[in-house]
Amino acid sequence: MARTDGGRTTHRHEGELVVFLIGMTINRWWRIDQWLPTFLAMPRMLRELATDKESGMLGFRLTLEAGGPTVIQYWDSVDKLYAYASDRAAQHRPAWTAFNQRARQAPGVVGVWHETYLVDRAESVYVGTPELGLAKATERVPVTTRSNAARQRMDAAGTR
C-alpha cells in the first residue's frame, strides 16, 4: 500500500503544463481479439515514455471508466507530446497503424480517443492521500498559510 501524507499538500510546477487524456472504448467486449491488442499497446508506450527523461511526459495515472480505460498524462510541452506521437521510431506509430488496420477489419468494436489541454493555471490539494496526480507528476509541497485556500493557490499559479 502506498504511503499516505496526513498533511495538506499541493503541487508546484514552473513552465508549460499539458494534460493529455487518452482512452479506449470497448464496444463489443466479446471481441477480445480486436480490443486486447489496443489495450496492451498502451503499457509499452507508457514504459517507453517513463524511461526517457527527455520525452516530456512528467507522469501518468490509469483510470477505469464504464466503457474502458483512460490514461491521464502530464507533459511539460505540447511540442514534445506531438513529437512523440509522430516519431516513427517510437512505440506510438506502429500501435496507431495496427489499430487502424484492425478498425477497418472490424468497425465499431473498439474506439480510441484523446483530449489535449494546455493548462494556463492549475490548483490542487491533497489530504490523506498517497502521492498522485499533479503532485506526483511535478512536485508535492506542503500547503502554507499563503496557499491555504483554493483561490490563493489558483492566484499564485497565475503569477508563476
Protein backbone atom coordinates (compact mmCIF):
# COMPACT_ATOMS: atom_id res chain seq x y z
CA MET A 1 0.00 0.00 0.00
CA ALA A 2 1.28 3.47 -0.90
CA ARG A 3 2.39 5.76 1.92
CA THR A 4 -0.14 8.50 2.61
CA ASP A 5 0.60 12.00 3.77
CA GLY A 6 -1.71 13.11 6.58
CA GLY A 7 -0.95 16.78 5.98
CA ARG A 8 -2.37 19.11 3.37
CA THR A 9 -0.22 19.34 0.28
CA THR A 10 -0.41 20.86 -3.17
CA HIS A 11 1.72 20.75 -6.30
CA ARG A 12 4.31 23.16 -7.66
CA HIS A 13 5.35 23.43 -11.29
CA GLU A 14 7.10 26.08 -13.34
CA GLY A 15 6.73 26.26 -17.10
CA GLU A 16 4.34 24.80 -19.62
CA LEU A 17 1.88 22.17 -18.43
CA VAL A 18 -0.13 19.90 -20.70
CA VAL A 19 -2.80 17.46 -19.55
CA PHE A 20 -3.42 14.73 -22.11
CA LEU A 21 -6.30 12.27 -21.71
CA ILE A 22 -6.28 9.17 -23.85
CA GLY A 23 -8.62 6.24 -23.67
CA MET A 24 -10.34 3.43 -25.42
CA THR A 25 -13.95 2.35 -25.52
CA ILE A 26 -14.64 -1.34 -25.72
CA ASN A 27 -17.89 -1.53 -27.63
CA ARG A 28 -18.04 -5.31 -28.06
CA TRP A 29 -16.46 -6.98 -25.03
CA TRP A 30 -16.68 -10.47 -26.57
CA ARG A 31 -14.29 -9.40 -29.40
CA ILE A 32 -11.18 -9.69 -27.25
CA ASP A 33 -9.17 -10.42 -30.40
CA GLN A 34 -9.84 -6.83 -31.50
CA TRP A 35 -9.63 -4.78 -28.30
CA LEU A 36 -6.89 -6.62 -26.37
CA PRO A 37 -4.07 -5.56 -28.75
CA THR A 38 -5.16 -1.93 -28.36
CA PHE A 39 -5.28 -2.32 -24.58
CA LEU A 40 -1.81 -3.93 -24.46
CA ALA A 41 -0.19 -1.23 -26.63
CA MET A 42 -0.56 1.50 -24.00
CA PRO A 43 1.70 -0.01 -21.30
CA ARG A 44 4.51 -0.32 -23.85
CA MET A 45 4.18 3.36 -24.78
CA LEU A 46 4.00 4.46 -21.14
CA ARG A 47 7.07 2.41 -20.26
CA GLU A 48 8.96 3.92 -23.20
CA LEU A 49 8.00 7.46 -22.16
CA ALA A 50 8.64 6.93 -18.44
CA THR A 51 12.17 5.66 -19.05
CA ASP A 52 13.08 8.57 -21.37
CA LYS A 53 13.58 11.62 -19.14
CA GLU A 54 13.75 13.84 -22.25
CA SER A 55 10.35 12.67 -23.57
CA GLY A 56 8.46 15.45 -21.84
CA MET A 57 5.98 13.18 -20.08
CA LEU A 58 6.01 14.13 -16.39
CA GLY A 59 3.77 11.34 -15.17
CA PHE A 60 0.52 9.47 -15.69
CA ARG A 61 -2.23 7.56 -14.00
CA LEU A 62 -4.73 4.99 -15.21
CA THR A 63 -8.44 5.22 -14.52
CA LEU A 64 -11.17 2.75 -15.40
CA GLU A 65 -14.47 4.03 -16.73
CA ALA A 66 -17.62 2.20 -17.77
CA GLY A 67 -16.55 1.93 -21.42
CA GLY A 68 -12.88 1.18 -20.88
CA PRO A 69 -9.59 2.57 -19.56
CA THR A 70 -8.43 6.19 -19.62
CA VAL A 71 -4.88 7.35 -19.04
CA ILE A 72 -4.30 10.84 -17.65
CA GLN A 73 -0.89 12.07 -18.70
CA TYR A 74 1.00 15.19 -17.62
CA TRP A 75 3.50 16.72 -20.07
CA ASP A 76 5.93 19.62 -19.87
CA SER A 77 5.42 20.60 -23.52
CA VAL A 78 2.74 20.24 -26.17
CA ASP A 79 5.54 20.14 -28.76
CA LYS A 80 7.11 17.11 -27.06
CA LEU A 81 3.73 15.37 -26.90
CA TYR A 82 3.19 15.89 -30.63
CA ALA A 83 6.79 14.92 -31.40
CA TYR A 84 6.29 11.60 -29.63
CA ALA A 85 3.01 10.96 -31.45
CA SER A 86 4.69 11.40 -34.83
CA ASP A 87 8.05 9.73 -34.06
CA ARG A 88 8.34 6.77 -36.43
CA ALA A 89 10.96 5.13 -34.20
CA ALA A 90 8.70 5.19 -31.11
CA GLN A 91 6.02 2.74 -29.98
CA HIS A 92 3.07 5.02 -30.84
CA ARG A 93 3.22 4.99 -34.64
CA PRO A 94 3.17 1.19 -35.10
CA ALA A 95 0.43 0.89 -32.45
CA TRP A 96 -1.66 3.52 -34.25
CA THR A 97 -1.15 1.83 -37.62
CA ALA A 98 -2.12 -1.57 -36.18
CA PHE A 99 -5.22 -0.08 -34.51
CA ASN A 100 -6.37 1.45 -37.79
CA GLN A 101 -5.90 -1.85 -39.62
CA ARG A 102 -7.98 -3.69 -37.00
CA ALA A 103 -10.62 -0.93 -37.05
CA ARG A 104 -11.04 -1.37 -40.81
CA GLN A 105 -11.45 -5.14 -40.37
CA ALA A 106 -13.98 -4.85 -37.52
CA PRO A 107 -15.51 -1.35 -37.45
CA GLY A 108 -17.01 -0.21 -34.17
CA VAL A 109 -15.58 -2.97 -31.98
CA VAL A 110 -13.14 -0.70 -30.17
CA GLY A 111 -12.70 3.05 -30.22
CA VAL A 112 -9.86 5.31 -29.18
CA TRP A 113 -9.99 8.95 -28.22
CA HIS A 114 -7.83 11.70 -26.80
CA GLU A 115 -8.11 15.24 -25.48
CA THR A 116 -5.23 17.68 -25.05
CA TYR A 117 -5.34 20.61 -22.63
CA LEU A 118 -2.68 23.31 -22.47
CA VAL A 119 -3.07 24.46 -18.86
CA ASP A 120 -2.63 28.14 -18.10
CA ARG A 121 -3.05 27.70 -14.32
CA ALA A 122 -3.69 24.70 -12.11
CA GLU A 123 -4.71 24.40 -8.46
CA SER A 124 -4.59 21.23 -6.36
CA VAL A 125 -4.91 19.98 -2.81
CA TYR A 126 -4.23 16.53 -1.38
CA VAL A 127 -5.20 15.48 2.15
CA GLY A 128 -4.55 11.98 3.44
CA THR A 129 -3.58 10.66 0.01
CA PRO A 130 -0.56 8.94 -1.41
CA GLU A 131 1.37 10.98 -3.95
CA LEU A 132 -0.82 11.21 -7.06
CA GLY A 133 -1.96 13.47 -9.88
CA LEU A 134 -0.11 16.71 -10.47
CA ALA A 135 1.77 16.38 -7.19
CA LYS A 136 3.29 13.10 -8.33
CA ALA A 137 4.00 14.34 -11.85
CA THR A 138 5.54 17.63 -10.71
CA GLU A 139 6.50 18.48 -7.14
CA ARG A 140 4.46 17.87 -3.97
CA VAL A 141 4.76 20.71 -1.46
CA PRO A 142 3.05 21.49 1.84
CA VAL A 143 0.10 23.88 1.94
CA THR A 144 1.15 27.01 3.83
CA THR A 145 -0.76 29.95 5.23
CA ARG A 146 -0.19 31.66 1.86
CA SER A 147 -1.70 28.69 -0.02
CA ASN A 148 -4.38 27.59 2.43
CA ALA A 149 -7.43 28.32 0.25
CA ALA A 150 -8.10 27.10 -3.28
CA ARG A 151 -8.35 30.70 -4.52
CA GLN A 152 -4.93 31.51 -3.04
CA ARG A 153 -3.37 28.53 -4.80
CA MET A 154 -5.06 29.44 -8.11
CA ASP A 155 -4.00 33.09 -7.83
CA ALA A 156 -0.43 32.03 -7.03
CA ALA A 157 -0.42 29.75 -10.09
CA GLY A 158 -1.18 32.80 -12.24
CA THR A 159 1.91 34.65 -11.01
CA ARG A 160 4.42 31.93 -11.82
